[in-house]
Protein backbone atom coordinates (compact mmCIF):
# COMPACT_ATOMS: atom_id res chain seq x y z
CA MET A 1 22.77 -18.76 4.68
CA ALA A 2 20.27 -21.55 3.23
CA ALA A 3 21.52 -25.42 3.88
CA ARG A 4 22.66 -25.38 0.22
CA LEU A 5 23.54 -23.25 -2.52
CA PHE A 6 20.83 -23.67 -5.71
CA LYS A 7 21.63 -22.87 -9.20
CA GLY A 8 19.38 -20.85 -11.32
CA ALA A 9 16.42 -22.87 -12.54
CA GLU A 10 17.64 -25.95 -10.39
CA TYR A 11 14.20 -25.61 -8.67
CA LEU A 12 12.53 -27.33 -11.66
CA ILE A 13 14.78 -30.38 -11.22
CA SER A 14 15.45 -30.46 -7.43
CA GLU A 15 13.30 -30.90 -4.23
CA ALA A 16 14.13 -27.96 -2.10
CA THR A 17 13.38 -28.07 1.59
CA LYS A 18 12.25 -25.41 4.16
CA ASP A 19 15.75 -24.99 5.18
CA ASP A 20 16.73 -23.96 1.74
CA VAL A 21 14.64 -20.63 1.78
CA PHE A 22 14.57 -17.13 3.15
CA THR A 23 11.19 -15.85 4.18
CA PRO A 24 9.61 -12.37 5.51
CA GLU A 25 9.49 -14.43 8.73
CA ASP A 26 13.37 -14.59 8.74
CA PHE A 27 13.94 -10.47 8.72
CA THR A 28 16.60 -9.35 11.03
CA GLU A 29 15.71 -6.42 13.30
CA GLU A 30 17.94 -4.15 11.12
CA GLN A 31 16.04 -5.25 8.07
CA ARG A 32 12.53 -4.39 9.73
CA GLN A 33 14.19 -0.98 10.75
CA ILE A 34 14.55 -0.09 7.18
CA ALA A 35 11.04 -1.23 6.32
CA ARG A 36 9.74 1.00 8.89
CA THR A 37 11.71 3.98 7.66
CA ALA A 38 10.51 3.28 4.01
CA GLU A 39 7.00 2.97 5.34
CA GLN A 40 7.05 6.03 7.46
CA PHE A 41 8.47 7.86 4.31
CA VAL A 42 5.73 7.02 2.39
CA ASP A 43 2.97 7.49 4.99
CA GLU A 44 4.55 11.07 6.16
CA GLU A 45 6.21 12.46 2.98
CA VAL A 46 4.68 10.74 0.06
CA ARG A 47 1.05 10.32 0.53
CA PRO A 48 0.08 13.65 1.74
CA VAL A 49 1.32 15.13 -1.70
CA LEU A 50 0.22 12.24 -3.97
CA GLU A 51 -2.53 14.74 -5.63
CA ARG A 52 -0.06 17.24 -6.07
CA LEU A 53 2.43 14.76 -7.62
CA GLU A 54 -0.29 13.65 -10.06
CA HIS A 55 -0.28 17.34 -11.34
CA GLN A 56 3.50 17.18 -11.66
CA GLU A 57 4.09 20.09 -9.36
CA PRO A 58 7.34 21.61 -10.33
CA GLY A 59 10.28 20.57 -7.99
CA LEU A 60 8.06 18.20 -6.06
CA ALA A 61 9.78 15.02 -7.02
CA VAL A 62 12.84 16.27 -6.80
CA ALA A 63 12.61 17.34 -3.19
CA LEU A 64 10.94 13.81 -2.29
CA MET A 65 14.08 12.28 -3.65
CA ARG A 66 16.34 14.64 -1.60
CA LYS A 67 14.23 13.57 1.23
CA ALA A 68 14.60 9.86 0.63
CA GLY A 69 18.43 10.30 0.23
CA GLU A 70 18.31 12.12 3.81
CA ALA A 71 16.35 9.09 4.91
CA GLY A 72 18.93 6.49 3.82
CA LEU A 73 16.70 4.90 1.14
CA LEU A 74 18.76 5.82 -1.76
CA MET A 75 21.94 4.36 -0.41
CA ILE A 76 20.90 0.70 0.43
CA ASP A 77 22.54 -0.63 -2.76
CA ALA A 78 25.80 1.51 -3.06
CA PRO A 79 29.37 0.73 -1.47
CA GLU A 80 30.19 2.12 2.12
CA ALA A 81 33.36 3.94 0.41
CA TYR A 82 30.93 6.21 -1.41
CA GLY A 83 28.35 6.85 1.49
CA GLY A 84 26.27 4.10 0.82
CA LEU A 85 25.17 1.16 3.19
CA ALA A 86 26.18 -1.75 1.01
CA LEU A 87 23.04 -3.99 2.47
CA ASP A 88 21.88 -7.23 1.34
CA LYS A 89 19.15 -7.63 -1.36
CA ALA A 90 16.65 -8.90 1.01
CA THR A 91 16.68 -5.37 2.60
CA SER A 92 16.81 -3.82 -0.79
CA MET A 93 13.73 -5.70 -1.90
CA LEU A 94 12.23 -4.85 1.53
CA ALA A 95 12.63 -0.93 1.12
CA ALA A 96 11.34 -1.49 -2.58
CA GLU A 97 7.99 -3.32 -1.51
CA ARG A 98 7.53 -0.66 1.19
CA MET A 99 7.91 2.20 -1.42
CA GLY A 100 5.57 0.72 -3.74
CA ALA A 101 2.64 1.97 -1.83
CA GLY A 102 4.02 5.42 -2.75
CA GLY A 103 1.90 5.55 -6.07
CA ALA A 104 3.97 7.19 -9.11
CA PHE A 105 6.84 8.22 -6.86
CA SER A 106 7.72 4.55 -6.08
CA VAL A 107 8.37 4.54 -10.06
CA SER A 108 10.71 7.64 -9.69
CA TYR A 109 12.26 6.03 -6.86
CA ALA A 110 12.99 2.82 -8.20
CA ALA A 111 14.34 4.29 -11.67
CA HIS A 112 16.69 6.25 -9.39
CA SER A 113 17.83 3.76 -6.87
CA GLY A 114 17.86 0.88 -9.26
CA ILE A 115 18.74 0.94 -13.04
CA GLY A 116 19.66 4.71 -12.68
CA THR A 117 22.29 4.07 -10.07
CA LEU A 118 23.09 0.62 -10.23
CA PRO A 119 25.14 0.52 -13.82
CA LEU A 120 27.53 3.08 -11.90
CA VAL A 121 27.83 0.87 -8.75
CA TYR A 122 28.61 -2.25 -10.77
CA TYR A 123 30.48 -0.89 -13.70
CA GLY A 124 31.82 2.66 -12.67
CA THR A 125 35.37 3.47 -12.57
CA GLU A 126 36.60 4.71 -9.23
CA ALA A 127 37.09 8.38 -10.85
CA GLN A 128 33.55 7.90 -12.07
CA LYS A 129 32.13 6.78 -8.65
CA ASP A 130 34.11 9.75 -7.12
CA ARG A 131 32.53 12.23 -9.11
CA TYR A 132 28.77 10.94 -9.29
CA LEU A 133 27.78 8.14 -6.68
CA GLY A 134 27.89 10.54 -3.76
CA LYS A 135 25.51 12.88 -5.17
CA LEU A 136 23.22 10.10 -6.10
CA VAL A 137 22.89 8.29 -2.74
CA THR A 138 22.28 11.68 -1.05
CA GLY A 139 19.41 12.44 -3.71
CA GLU A 140 21.28 15.87 -4.49
CA TRP A 141 21.36 14.57 -8.05
CA SER A 142 18.76 12.29 -9.74
CA ALA A 143 19.17 9.53 -12.20
CA ALA A 144 17.66 7.82 -15.39
CA TYR A 145 18.15 5.17 -17.58
CA CYS A 146 18.37 5.57 -21.46
CA LEU A 147 17.91 2.27 -23.21
CA THR A 148 14.62 2.44 -25.15
CA GLU A 149 14.28 4.38 -28.52
CA PRO A 150 11.18 4.99 -30.51
CA GLU A 151 11.92 1.98 -32.85
CA ALA A 152 13.61 -0.29 -30.20
CA GLY A 153 11.67 -1.11 -27.23
CA SER A 154 11.65 -5.05 -26.47
CA ASP A 155 14.48 -5.35 -29.33
CA ALA A 156 16.64 -3.18 -26.87
CA LEU A 157 19.83 -3.93 -28.88
CA GLY A 158 18.19 -2.61 -31.95
CA GLY A 159 18.48 0.95 -30.92
CA LYS A 160 20.11 3.51 -33.60
CA ALA A 161 21.51 5.98 -31.27
CA SER A 162 25.14 6.36 -32.20
CA ALA A 163 28.43 7.77 -30.72
CA THR A 164 31.45 9.06 -32.70
CA LEU A 165 34.72 9.93 -31.33
CA SER A 166 35.55 13.85 -31.99
CA PRO A 167 38.48 14.86 -34.14
CA ASP A 168 40.45 15.79 -31.04
CA GLY A 169 39.84 12.35 -29.31
CA ARG A 170 38.55 14.29 -26.20
CA HIS A 171 34.68 13.61 -26.54
CA TYR A 172 32.10 11.30 -28.06
CA LEU A 173 29.07 13.02 -30.24
CA LEU A 174 26.14 11.15 -29.23
CA GLU A 175 23.31 11.16 -31.85
CA GLY A 176 19.75 9.86 -31.56
CA THR A 177 16.61 9.88 -29.26
CA LYS A 178 15.72 7.88 -26.23
CA GLN A 179 11.83 7.27 -25.60
CA PHE A 180 9.88 6.72 -22.22
CA ILE A 181 12.60 7.88 -20.05
CA THR A 182 11.42 7.74 -16.36
CA ASN A 183 12.75 10.81 -14.55
CA GLY A 184 13.57 12.41 -17.82
CA SER A 185 12.62 16.09 -16.89
CA PHE A 186 14.68 16.56 -13.86
CA ALA A 187 17.44 13.75 -13.81
CA ASP A 188 21.00 15.00 -13.52
CA LEU A 189 22.60 12.01 -14.56
CA PHE A 190 21.74 9.72 -17.71
CA THR A 191 23.09 6.17 -18.47
CA VAL A 192 22.80 6.27 -22.19
CA PHE A 193 23.22 3.46 -24.53
CA ALA A 194 24.58 3.91 -28.00
CA ARG A 195 26.68 2.48 -30.90
CA VAL A 196 30.15 3.61 -31.26
CA ASP A 197 30.83 3.84 -34.84
CA ARG A 198 27.40 2.63 -35.46
CA LYS A 199 28.59 -0.90 -34.52
CA HIS A 200 29.79 -1.05 -30.91
CA PHE A 201 27.01 -1.02 -28.36
CA THR A 202 28.24 0.94 -25.28
CA ALA A 203 26.87 2.67 -22.19
CA PHE A 204 27.71 6.25 -21.40
CA LEU A 205 27.41 8.60 -18.28
CA VAL A 206 25.82 11.75 -19.36
CA GLU A 207 25.08 14.73 -17.11
CA ARG A 208 22.01 16.93 -18.01
CA THR A 209 24.22 19.97 -18.60
CA THR A 210 25.97 18.43 -21.56
CA PRO A 211 25.90 20.52 -24.75
CA GLY A 212 23.67 18.97 -27.50
CA LEU A 213 21.45 17.17 -24.93
CA THR A 214 17.56 18.06 -25.09
CA VAL A 215 14.70 16.80 -22.92
CA GLY A 216 11.45 16.45 -24.44
CA PRO A 217 7.99 17.36 -23.10
CA GLU A 218 6.28 15.06 -20.59
CA GLU A 219 4.12 12.42 -22.14
CA LYS A 220 0.59 12.09 -21.57
CA LYS A 221 -0.10 8.91 -19.95
CA LEU A 222 -2.59 6.60 -18.93
CA GLY A 223 -1.31 5.96 -15.44
CA ILE A 224 1.63 6.98 -12.88
CA LYS A 225 0.95 10.57 -14.05
CA GLY A 226 3.09 11.72 -10.97
CA SER A 227 6.17 10.38 -12.33
CA SER A 228 8.05 11.77 -15.19
CA THR A 229 8.20 10.43 -18.71
CA THR A 230 9.76 12.13 -21.45
CA SER A 231 12.12 11.54 -24.74
CA VAL A 232 15.65 12.48 -24.51
CA ILE A 233 17.39 13.85 -27.73
CA PHE A 234 21.00 14.07 -28.45
CA GLU A 235 22.26 16.02 -31.40
CA GLY A 236 26.07 15.83 -31.40
CA ALA A 237 25.92 15.93 -27.42
CA GLN A 238 29.57 16.06 -26.20
CA VAL A 239 30.26 13.45 -23.71
CA PRO A 240 33.95 13.40 -22.31
CA VAL A 241 35.68 9.96 -23.22
CA GLU A 242 36.51 9.43 -19.59
CA ASN A 243 32.45 9.06 -19.21
CA VAL A 244 32.32 5.75 -21.18
CA LEU A 245 30.76 3.25 -18.62
CA GLY A 246 32.57 -0.11 -18.57
CA GLU A 247 34.16 -1.40 -22.02
CA ILE A 248 33.12 -0.11 -25.26
CA GLY A 249 31.12 -2.49 -27.18
CA LYS A 250 30.12 -4.25 -23.92
CA GLY A 251 27.15 -2.15 -23.14
CA HIS A 252 24.96 -5.18 -23.58
CA LYS A 253 26.04 -6.45 -20.51
CA ILE A 254 25.24 -3.50 -18.60
CA ALA A 255 21.98 -3.35 -20.24
CA PHE A 256 20.57 -6.66 -19.26
CA ASN A 257 22.31 -7.35 -16.11
CA VAL A 258 20.98 -4.37 -14.44
CA LEU A 259 17.62 -5.05 -15.87
CA ASN A 260 17.77 -8.63 -13.95
CA VAL A 261 17.94 -6.66 -10.87
CA GLY A 262 15.21 -4.20 -12.16
CA ARG A 263 12.84 -6.90 -12.57
CA PHE A 264 13.41 -8.48 -9.02
CA LYS A 265 12.75 -5.07 -7.56
CA LEU A 266 9.86 -4.42 -9.64
CA GLY A 267 8.37 -7.66 -8.39
CA ALA A 268 8.86 -6.48 -4.73
CA ALA A 269 7.44 -2.92 -5.34
CA VAL A 270 4.21 -4.23 -7.12
CA THR A 271 3.80 -6.52 -4.27
CA GLY A 272 3.67 -3.59 -1.81
CA ALA A 273 1.01 -1.92 -4.19
CA ALA A 274 -0.90 -4.82 -4.21
CA LYS A 275 -1.08 -5.04 -0.48
CA LEU A 276 -2.20 -1.44 -0.21
CA ALA A 277 -4.89 -2.00 -2.95
CA LEU A 278 -6.04 -5.28 -1.16
CA GLY A 279 -6.34 -3.26 2.34
CA THR A 280 -8.59 -0.67 0.47
CA GLY A 281 -10.80 -3.11 -1.09
CA ALA A 282 -11.16 -5.01 2.36
CA ALA A 283 -12.08 -1.68 4.23
CA TYR A 284 -14.54 -0.82 1.42
CA ALA A 285 -16.30 -4.26 1.63
CA ASN A 286 -16.50 -3.82 5.34
CA ALA A 287 -18.19 -0.23 5.08
CA ARG A 288 -20.29 -0.86 1.87
CA LYS A 289 -23.73 -2.14 2.69
CA GLN A 290 -26.22 -3.65 0.16
CA PHE A 291 -29.48 -5.33 0.97
CA GLY A 292 -28.76 -4.08 4.47
CA VAL A 293 -25.57 -5.99 5.14
CA PRO A 294 -22.03 -5.11 4.62
CA ILE A 295 -20.81 -6.60 1.23
CA ALA A 296 -17.95 -8.34 2.90
CA ARG A 297 -20.60 -10.65 4.30
CA PHE A 298 -21.27 -11.98 0.58
CA GLY A 299 -19.35 -15.29 -0.32
CA ALA A 300 -18.90 -13.59 -3.88
CA ILE A 301 -16.68 -10.83 -2.24
CA GLN A 302 -15.20 -13.29 0.54
CA GLU A 303 -13.70 -15.59 -2.44
CA LYS A 304 -12.22 -12.64 -4.27
CA VAL A 305 -10.50 -11.47 -0.96
CA ALA A 306 -9.19 -14.77 -0.41
CA ASP A 307 -8.07 -15.59 -3.77
CA LEU A 308 -6.07 -12.13 -3.77
CA THR A 309 -4.66 -12.62 -0.35
CA ALA A 310 -3.57 -16.14 -1.24
CA ALA A 311 -1.70 -14.80 -4.53
CA LEU A 312 0.05 -12.05 -2.41
CA PHE A 313 1.03 -14.69 0.03
CA ALA A 314 2.96 -16.46 -2.99
CA ALA A 315 3.97 -13.37 -4.38
CA GLU A 316 5.80 -12.21 -1.26
CA SER A 317 7.10 -15.78 -0.69
CA LEU A 318 8.64 -15.95 -4.18
CA VAL A 319 10.08 -12.42 -3.89
CA TYR A 320 12.08 -13.22 -0.50
CA ARG A 321 12.76 -16.65 -1.55
CA LEU A 322 14.59 -15.17 -4.53
CA ALA A 323 16.22 -12.48 -2.46
CA GLY A 324 17.90 -15.48 -0.18
CA LEU A 325 18.89 -17.26 -3.30
CA ILE A 326 20.77 -14.28 -4.61
CA ASP A 327 22.27 -13.34 -1.09
CA ASP A 328 23.19 -16.59 -0.46
CA ARG A 329 25.30 -16.73 -3.66
CA LEU A 330 26.68 -13.19 -3.22
CA ALA A 331 27.90 -14.13 0.27
CA THR A 332 30.43 -16.69 -1.29
CA ILE A 333 32.32 -13.63 -3.02
CA PRO A 334 34.91 -11.93 -0.83
CA LYS A 335 34.39 -8.25 -0.64
CA ASP A 336 38.51 -8.07 -1.67
CA THR A 337 38.07 -10.16 -4.86
CA PRO A 338 39.75 -8.45 -7.76
CA GLY A 339 36.78 -7.78 -10.22
CA TYR A 340 34.31 -7.98 -7.49
CA TYR A 341 31.49 -6.33 -9.18
CA GLU A 342 31.89 -8.55 -12.36
CA ALA A 343 31.71 -11.71 -9.98
CA TYR A 344 28.58 -9.93 -8.15
CA GLN A 345 26.87 -9.20 -11.44
CA GLN A 346 27.55 -12.94 -12.23
CA GLY A 347 25.92 -14.08 -9.09
CA ILE A 348 22.80 -12.17 -9.80
CA GLU A 349 22.75 -13.35 -13.49
CA GLU A 350 22.63 -16.72 -12.28
CA TYR A 351 19.25 -15.97 -11.23
CA ALA A 352 18.13 -14.28 -14.45
CA ILE A 353 15.64 -16.96 -15.15
CA GLU A 354 13.90 -16.18 -11.32
CA CYS A 355 14.20 -12.53 -11.54
CA ALA A 356 12.10 -12.93 -15.05
CA VAL A 357 9.54 -15.17 -13.13
CA ALA A 358 9.21 -12.57 -10.53
CA LYS A 359 8.42 -9.75 -12.73
CA VAL A 360 5.96 -11.56 -14.35
CA PHE A 361 4.26 -13.34 -11.49
CA CYS A 362 4.06 -10.49 -8.90
CA SER A 363 3.08 -7.82 -11.65
CA GLU A 364 0.04 -10.15 -12.70
CA VAL A 365 -0.86 -10.41 -9.05
CA LEU A 366 -1.22 -6.81 -8.81
CA ALA A 367 -3.34 -6.72 -12.15
CA ASP A 368 -5.61 -9.29 -10.54
CA VAL A 369 -5.83 -7.25 -7.18
CA VAL A 370 -6.46 -3.88 -8.63
CA ASP A 371 -8.95 -5.09 -11.11
CA GLU A 372 -11.14 -7.01 -8.37
CA VAL A 373 -10.58 -4.02 -5.99
CA VAL A 374 -12.28 -1.97 -8.78
CA GLN A 375 -15.06 -4.71 -8.96
CA ILE A 376 -15.43 -4.57 -5.17
CA HIS A 377 -16.42 -0.83 -5.20
CA GLY A 378 -18.77 -1.52 -8.11
CA GLY A 379 -19.74 1.76 -9.85
CA TYR A 380 -17.74 3.91 -7.23
CA GLY A 381 -14.40 1.95 -8.25
CA PHE A 382 -14.82 3.83 -11.67
CA ILE A 383 -14.95 7.18 -9.93
CA GLN A 384 -11.81 9.63 -9.47
CA GLU A 385 -12.82 10.28 -6.03
CA TYR A 386 -12.09 6.77 -4.74
CA PRO A 387 -8.48 5.61 -4.76
CA ALA A 388 -9.72 2.11 -6.72
CA GLU A 389 -9.54 3.98 -9.98
CA LYS A 390 -5.91 5.29 -9.57
CA TYR A 391 -4.81 2.07 -8.74
CA TYR A 392 -6.23 0.27 -11.75
CA ARG A 393 -4.47 2.96 -14.01
CA ASP A 394 -1.25 3.01 -12.39
CA GLU A 395 -0.95 -0.70 -12.55
CA ARG A 396 -0.93 -1.40 -16.19
CA ILE A 397 2.61 -0.06 -16.82
CA ASN A 398 4.13 -2.86 -14.47
CA ARG A 399 3.44 -5.35 -17.29
CA ILE A 400 5.42 -3.29 -19.76
CA PHE A 401 8.12 -1.89 -17.72
CA GLU A 402 11.58 -3.91 -17.44
CA GLY A 403 10.85 -5.81 -20.49
CA THR A 404 7.31 -6.71 -21.33
CA ASN A 405 5.85 -9.83 -19.47
CA GLU A 406 5.90 -11.62 -22.97
CA ILE A 407 9.60 -10.98 -23.32
CA ASN A 408 10.25 -12.10 -19.70
CA ARG A 409 7.89 -15.32 -20.59
CA LEU A 410 10.28 -16.03 -23.40
CA LEU A 411 13.54 -15.37 -21.46
CA VAL A 412 12.46 -18.06 -18.94
CA PRO A 413 12.42 -21.39 -21.16
CA GLY A 414 15.03 -19.98 -23.57
CA THR A 415 17.52 -19.32 -20.71
CA ILE A 416 16.80 -22.92 -19.22
CA LEU A 417 17.34 -24.42 -22.49
CA ARG A 418 20.52 -22.64 -23.43
CA ARG A 419 21.85 -23.54 -20.03
CA ALA A 420 20.76 -27.20 -20.58
CA LEU A 421 22.65 -27.35 -24.04
CA LYS A 422 25.89 -26.02 -22.36
CA GLY A 423 25.66 -28.60 -19.56
CA GLU A 424 25.11 -26.07 -16.74
CA LEU A 425 21.83 -27.77 -16.04
CA PRO A 426 21.15 -31.61 -16.35
CA LEU A 427 17.85 -31.23 -17.99
CA GLN A 428 18.11 -34.04 -20.42
CA ARG A 429 18.69 -36.58 -17.55
CA GLU A 430 15.78 -35.07 -15.72
CA VAL A 431 13.35 -35.21 -18.62
CA ALA A 432 14.17 -38.85 -19.28
CA LYS A 433 13.36 -39.76 -15.65
CA ALA A 434 10.02 -37.67 -16.02
CA MET A 435 9.21 -39.60 -19.26
CA ASP A 436 9.62 -42.89 -17.40
CA ALA A 437 7.26 -41.69 -14.94
CA LEU A 438 4.86 -40.90 -17.77
CA LEU A 439 4.88 -44.26 -18.90
CA SER A 440 4.77 -45.89 -15.48
CA PRO A 441 1.52 -47.26 -14.13
CA SER A 442 0.80 -44.61 -11.26
CA LEU A 443 2.20 -41.76 -8.89
CA ASP A 444 3.07 -42.51 -5.52
CA ASP A 445 0.11 -41.59 -3.03
CA ALA A 446 0.65 -38.46 -0.59
CA ASP A 447 1.68 -39.27 3.03
CA PRO A 448 -1.22 -37.99 4.73
CA SER A 449 0.59 -37.72 8.02
CA ARG A 450 3.09 -34.87 6.46
CA PRO A 451 1.94 -31.44 6.70
CA PHE A 452 1.03 -30.03 3.45
CA ALA A 453 1.27 -33.55 2.10
CA ALA A 454 -1.26 -32.95 -0.79
CA GLU A 455 0.77 -29.92 -1.90
CA ARG A 456 4.11 -31.58 -1.71
CA ALA A 457 2.78 -34.56 -3.96
CA ALA A 458 1.19 -32.20 -6.35
CA LEU A 459 4.55 -30.15 -6.78
CA GLY A 460 6.47 -33.34 -8.02
CA GLY A 461 4.11 -34.15 -10.57
CA LEU A 462 4.12 -30.52 -11.89
CA LYS A 463 7.82 -30.41 -12.21
CA ARG A 464 7.37 -33.62 -14.32
CA THR A 465 4.88 -31.75 -16.30
CA PHE A 466 7.37 -29.09 -17.56
CA LEU A 467 10.09 -31.77 -17.85
CA VAL A 468 7.77 -33.82 -20.25
CA LEU A 469 6.60 -30.84 -22.25
CA ALA A 470 9.84 -29.38 -22.51
CA GLY A 471 11.44 -32.81 -23.91
CA ALA A 472 8.50 -33.07 -26.30
CA ALA A 473 9.09 -29.44 -27.48
CA VAL A 474 12.80 -30.04 -27.89
CA GLN A 475 12.21 -33.46 -29.89
CA ARG A 476 9.62 -31.65 -32.17
CA HIS A 477 11.49 -28.36 -32.94
CA GLN A 478 15.08 -29.15 -32.12
CA ASP A 479 17.24 -25.82 -32.79
CA ALA A 480 14.01 -24.21 -33.99
CA LEU A 481 12.17 -24.10 -30.79
CA LYS A 482 13.55 -20.74 -30.13
CA ASP A 483 11.55 -19.34 -33.03
CA GLU A 484 8.25 -21.23 -31.74
CA GLN A 485 7.17 -18.15 -29.24
CA GLU A 486 3.59 -20.12 -28.44
CA VAL A 487 5.25 -22.95 -27.25
CA LEU A 488 7.93 -21.02 -25.07
CA LEU A 489 5.05 -19.19 -23.52
CA ALA A 490 3.09 -22.17 -22.49
CA LEU A 491 6.18 -23.58 -21.09
CA ALA A 492 6.98 -20.48 -19.41
CA ASP A 493 3.53 -20.25 -17.52
CA VAL A 494 4.41 -23.96 -16.24
CA ALA A 495 7.61 -22.94 -14.95
CA ILE A 496 6.40 -19.50 -13.29
CA GLN A 497 3.54 -21.50 -11.66
CA VAL A 498 5.95 -24.35 -10.31
CA PHE A 499 8.28 -21.49 -8.42
CA ALA A 500 5.19 -19.63 -7.08
CA ILE A 501 3.52 -22.85 -5.76
CA GLU A 502 6.93 -24.10 -4.31
CA SER A 503 7.82 -20.86 -2.70
CA ALA A 504 4.55 -20.31 -0.75
CA LEU A 505 4.64 -24.02 0.23
CA LEU A 506 8.34 -23.86 1.64
CA ARG A 507 7.70 -20.66 3.41
CA ALA A 508 4.61 -22.30 5.05
CA GLU A 509 6.52 -25.52 5.95
CA ARG A 510 9.47 -23.10 7.33
CA ILE A 511 7.18 -20.86 9.59
CA SER A 512 4.18 -22.98 10.64
CA PRO A 513 5.85 -24.94 13.66
CA ARG A 514 6.75 -21.61 15.29
CA LEU A 515 3.23 -20.34 14.72
CA ALA A 516 -0.06 -20.59 17.05
CA GLU A 517 -2.59 -22.74 15.93
CA SER A 518 -4.92 -20.30 14.51
CA ARG A 519 -2.27 -18.64 12.44
CA ARG A 520 -0.90 -21.98 11.50
CA ALA A 521 -4.48 -22.50 10.01
CA ASP A 522 -4.34 -19.14 8.30
CA VAL A 523 -1.11 -20.12 6.57
CA ALA A 524 -2.47 -23.61 5.67
CA ALA A 525 -5.45 -21.85 4.18
CA ALA A 526 -3.01 -19.32 2.07
CA VAL A 527 -1.39 -22.21 0.58
CA LYS A 528 -4.24 -24.40 -0.32
CA VAL A 529 -6.16 -21.56 -1.96
CA HIS A 530 -2.95 -20.56 -4.08
CA THR A 531 -2.17 -23.93 -4.82
CA PHE A 532 -5.61 -24.71 -6.29
CA ALA A 533 -5.77 -21.84 -8.66
CA ALA A 534 -2.24 -21.74 -9.78
CA VAL A 535 -2.41 -25.73 -10.61
CA GLU A 536 -5.58 -24.88 -12.51
CA ARG A 537 -3.66 -22.44 -14.54
CA LEU A 538 -0.86 -24.48 -14.83
CA ALA A 539 -2.73 -27.31 -16.13
CA SER A 540 -4.13 -25.12 -18.94
CA ALA A 541 -0.96 -23.86 -20.15
CA ALA A 542 0.40 -27.47 -19.91
CA ARG A 543 -2.67 -28.60 -22.17
CA ARG A 544 -1.97 -25.92 -24.51
CA ALA A 545 1.66 -26.78 -24.77
CA ALA A 546 1.04 -30.47 -25.59
CA PHE A 547 -1.39 -29.49 -28.45
CA TYR A 548 1.05 -27.30 -29.59
CA VAL A 549 4.06 -30.09 -29.77
CA ALA A 550 2.53 -33.32 -30.23
CA GLU A 551 -0.27 -35.18 -32.46
CA GLY A 552 -1.68 -38.91 -32.49
CA ASP A 553 -0.61 -41.41 -30.02
CA THR A 554 2.04 -38.94 -28.60
CA LEU A 555 -0.24 -36.31 -27.80
CA ALA A 556 -2.82 -38.91 -26.12
CA ALA A 557 0.31 -39.81 -23.89
CA LEU A 558 1.15 -36.24 -23.15
CA LEU A 559 -2.50 -35.27 -22.29
CA GLY A 560 -2.90 -38.18 -20.09
CA GLY A 561 0.46 -37.36 -18.53
CA VAL A 562 -0.63 -33.85 -17.84
CA ARG A 563 -3.93 -35.06 -16.29
CA ARG A 564 -1.85 -37.31 -13.71
CA PHE A 565 0.82 -34.84 -13.00
CA THR A 566 -1.36 -31.98 -12.31
CA ARG A 567 -3.69 -33.85 -9.78
CA TYR A 568 -4.20 -31.96 -6.75
CA ASP A 569 -6.47 -33.11 -3.57
CA ALA A 570 -7.75 -29.47 -2.55
CA THR A 571 -10.34 -30.94 0.04
CA GLY A 572 -11.53 -28.09 2.25
CA LEU A 573 -11.31 -25.36 -0.28
CA LEU A 574 -14.21 -23.49 0.65
CA PRO A 575 -13.54 -23.42 4.23
CA ALA A 576 -10.06 -22.44 3.63
CA LYS A 577 -11.24 -19.51 1.51
CA ARG A 578 -13.66 -18.21 4.16
CA ARG A 579 -11.03 -18.42 6.67
CA LEU A 580 -8.58 -16.49 4.54
CA ALA A 581 -11.27 -13.83 3.55
CA ALA A 582 -12.00 -13.39 7.27
CA ALA A 583 -8.43 -12.89 8.31
CA THR A 584 -7.90 -9.96 5.80
CA LEU A 585 -11.68 -8.60 6.45
CA GLU A 586 -11.20 -8.51 10.01
CA ILE A 587 -8.01 -6.32 9.88
CA GLU A 588 -8.65 -4.58 6.70
CA ARG A 589 -5.14 -5.19 5.36
CA TYR A 590 -2.87 -8.20 4.12
CA PRO A 591 -2.64 -10.39 6.84
CA PHE A 592 0.77 -12.00 7.01
């Protein structure tokens, strides 16, 4: 357990230390064994049949799901009483990351083991778990999650699917259509959201054989062609009353709480996919010759490889830091607590902000990686014979899945401000301190004797940047700020980059003392390269926010503060990039 228990979003107002984070270097042997199992499953079972999956060979995805069950990869999050392993979130994310290299099957796997199964784990009755959970964790049955509707995507609670109690009181009759349902063509159990009496948003467990349930044809998609995506249509579908999941009218709790884990797990999965793509790009750069030499020797290629490697270091650091935060909080809840899973869900919900950050940051790192891997391949990156083309197509959905990145960005500052208004986060006090710093003559200089002194000094200024801009935004818009989406998006970009920079820095501070000199220099290079790029992005977002919320003298003061607070001394940046590129190109894979 970490030195202290942090609350959600507290990273913006507190200084964490290296003892407060969990890192990939802290995995236990048991966790590493789960990772090896997942990696072996992808290498031996999934990758050899990827082309067959792309053509949706009947029964293949189901057979793979059953093999995943036999390997123990579907039972990580389920309680032991129902055949599960009840392992921690770090292990769950590690499995998701390794499965992320499995192409479209990773989508099927995530939908089944995450949003397909977890609603039952968290909210199911003992009878419901007895009936279904054993089948799901072994892969005998597959699961799907039915929330999205043709007219209700980002506005998930705007769905029109309805449920009406039958005259004999034994069934709910479901009417409506669910859209873009992953695993739709083969799932045996659907978690379906509908409004009881057109008012009370409620979740139901619906079996595939339910009278009145019809599955639509496969969607013709840009990418992830090897996964199933269909509509699911309900026309008086007869669902037994005992299959209501949770409480009537409380379906929103299930939908949003499970999505927190889904977002987090997606962050891990896309990190795994990005590692695979980076390795492919590095290998191609070494093999491809132009002007008589491998293109890997060109600075233009090395810079791409370095930037991508550094971004992946940050993404990986962020994912497992969050896993540690959640695991530390969940560890404080005794397993015999009455209403254990309610308290468990509250523990995860505490980090809804960080879950959204992980989803946005990591999915956009993958987007950058696959884009540059296509570029490294040149014209061949556009040809289906090479994997870069498929990586590119498959990536795009990840910025839409689990709530679009825009929705997740809006969630970040919106939730922070709501918590501040409730007194759960002392934001106002910290904003006042940041404003005082804004008006003070100068910032303290970094202590050059301290490792990562420049990054640590910059981080304090970046947090002040968020605070002064958030304070100015609240002062300008008051309660109407919730409707100022452009402002919220800019604030989110600042908050996201702060968490990523700090996560990479804390990991480096934690692991560097135990590393050999050469390895320590590689880590330092990754931190420098990522911090420079992230500060540049953050500063741009901060300037945008300043222009959105202020004018005249106030604007001038904010812009001056942004300039001061986003200073970062990146001396040695080019040697750091060359070192980091060499580390990746030498082994043709992500080096950490």
